[in-house]
Amino acid sequence: MTWVELAAVERRLAELLGAEGAHWDGYYVCPHAENSCRCRKPRPGLLEAAARDIPRLSLPDAVMIGDSETDVGAGRAAGCRTVRLAPPGTPSAADRVVADLRSAVRILTEGE
């Protein structure tokens, strides 16, 4: 993905979240080659950077929601709870597997 494509994805996600009354506090991206840094998932560097930048963010109280096992690995390495977005029955190390982001938000806000 190019930086221009990434910016377009970020704009679209912000638009979709905004339409639901939600927002996010920052974007964190690893531009490095695989196995060359601490910020490349499944390592926790991006989550640790977010926790440094956002004082109210407590990683043990946070939930990493992602669509891959590398997302789950990063969340676990950072000490977060984890939710994997995948078809029901998908094997995962995540605390929960749900079909989509709406389901993940429902579980987290309503305690399903």
Protein backbone atom coordinates (compact mmCIF):
# COMPACT_ATOMS: atom_id res chain seq x y z
CA MET A 1 0.00 0.00 0.00
CA THR A 2 1.33 3.43 -0.88
CA TRP A 3 1.18 6.44 1.46
CA VAL A 4 -1.45 7.99 -0.83
CA GLU A 5 -3.59 4.83 -0.65
CA LEU A 6 -3.16 4.73 3.12
CA ALA A 7 -4.30 8.35 3.42
CA ALA A 8 -7.41 7.50 1.38
CA VAL A 9 -8.18 4.54 3.67
CA GLU A 10 -7.72 6.73 6.75
CA ARG A 11 -10.07 9.40 5.33
CA ARG A 12 -12.73 6.83 4.51
CA LEU A 13 -12.51 5.18 7.93
CA ALA A 14 -12.76 8.56 9.64
CA GLU A 15 -15.82 9.32 7.50
CA LEU A 16 -17.49 6.01 8.34
CA LEU A 17 -16.72 6.32 12.06
CA GLY A 18 -17.90 9.92 12.10
CA ALA A 19 -21.22 8.89 10.58
CA GLU A 20 -21.67 6.63 13.63
CA GLY A 21 -20.61 9.31 16.12
CA ALA A 22 -17.21 7.72 16.72
CA HIS A 23 -13.64 8.85 16.17
CA TRP A 24 -10.09 7.74 16.75
CA ASP A 25 -7.22 9.57 18.33
CA GLY A 26 -4.41 8.62 15.99
CA TYR A 27 -3.10 6.50 13.17
CA TYR A 28 -0.07 4.30 13.68
CA VAL A 29 1.67 2.63 10.74
CA CYS A 30 4.87 0.63 10.50
CA PRO A 31 6.74 1.49 7.30
CA HIS A 32 9.63 -0.90 7.99
CA ALA A 33 10.51 -4.25 6.44
CA GLU A 34 9.32 -7.41 8.15
CA ASN A 35 11.40 -8.48 11.18
CA SER A 36 13.33 -5.20 11.22
CA CYS A 37 11.72 -3.24 14.06
CA ARG A 38 9.61 -3.33 17.21
CA CYS A 39 6.62 -1.63 15.57
CA ARG A 40 5.94 -4.34 12.99
CA LYS A 41 3.06 -6.53 14.13
CA PRO A 42 2.91 -8.95 15.90
CA ARG A 43 5.34 -6.93 18.01
CA PRO A 44 3.68 -4.36 20.30
CA GLY A 45 5.57 -1.20 19.26
CA LEU A 46 2.66 0.61 17.58
CA LEU A 47 0.41 0.03 20.58
CA GLU A 48 3.15 1.16 22.95
CA ALA A 49 3.62 4.33 20.88
CA ALA A 50 -0.10 5.04 21.09
CA ALA A 51 -0.01 4.57 24.87
CA ARG A 52 2.87 7.08 25.09
CA ASP A 53 1.04 9.61 22.90
CA ILE A 54 -2.40 9.25 24.49
CA PRO A 55 -2.06 9.53 28.28
CA ARG A 56 -5.53 8.18 29.01
CA LEU A 57 -4.78 4.98 27.07
CA SER A 58 -4.02 2.11 29.44
CA LEU A 59 -2.93 -0.96 27.48
CA PRO A 60 -4.15 -3.44 30.13
CA ASP A 61 -7.59 -1.80 29.87
CA ALA A 62 -7.51 -1.57 26.05
CA VAL A 63 -8.84 -3.97 23.45
CA MET A 64 -6.99 -4.68 20.22
CA ILE A 65 -9.50 -5.39 17.45
CA GLY A 66 -8.04 -6.72 14.23
CA ASP A 67 -8.61 -9.00 11.29
CA SER A 68 -5.42 -11.04 11.46
CA GLU A 69 -3.47 -13.16 13.90
CA THR A 70 -0.63 -10.61 13.73
CA ASP A 71 -3.10 -8.05 15.13
CA VAL A 72 -4.00 -10.50 17.89
CA GLY A 73 -0.31 -11.14 18.58
CA ALA A 74 0.43 -7.43 18.87
CA GLY A 75 -2.46 -6.94 21.26
CA ARG A 76 -1.41 -9.85 23.42
CA ALA A 77 2.24 -8.70 23.43
CA ALA A 78 1.08 -5.25 24.60
CA GLY A 79 -1.07 -6.74 27.34
CA CYS A 80 -4.43 -5.90 25.76
CA ARG A 81 -7.56 -7.99 25.47
CA THR A 82 -8.08 -9.07 21.86
CA VAL A 83 -10.94 -9.46 19.41
CA ARG A 84 -10.43 -10.99 15.98
CA LEU A 85 -12.69 -10.07 13.08
CA ALA A 86 -13.19 -13.32 11.17
CA PRO A 87 -15.89 -15.79 10.18
CA PRO A 88 -17.39 -17.70 13.13
CA GLY A 89 -15.34 -20.77 14.00
CA THR A 90 -12.06 -19.33 12.73
CA PRO A 91 -9.24 -20.63 14.94
CA SER A 92 -7.57 -17.76 16.78
CA ALA A 93 -5.53 -16.90 19.88
CA ALA A 94 -7.88 -13.93 20.40
CA ASP A 95 -10.09 -13.65 23.45
CA ARG A 96 -13.10 -13.44 21.11
CA VAL A 97 -13.76 -14.00 17.41
CA VAL A 98 -16.62 -12.02 15.86
CA ALA A 99 -17.81 -11.55 12.31
CA ASP A 100 -17.44 -7.78 12.01
CA LEU A 101 -16.57 -4.51 13.73
CA ARG A 102 -20.18 -3.79 14.63
CA SER A 103 -20.32 -7.08 16.55
CA ALA A 104 -17.04 -6.30 18.31
CA VAL A 105 -18.33 -2.89 19.41
CA ARG A 106 -21.58 -4.44 20.61
CA ILE A 107 -19.72 -7.00 22.72
CA LEU A 108 -17.52 -4.33 24.25
CA THR A 109 -20.29 -1.83 24.96
CA GLU A 110 -23.13 -4.15 25.90
CA GLY A 111 -21.16 -7.02 27.47
CA GLU A 112 -22.54 -9.74 25.22
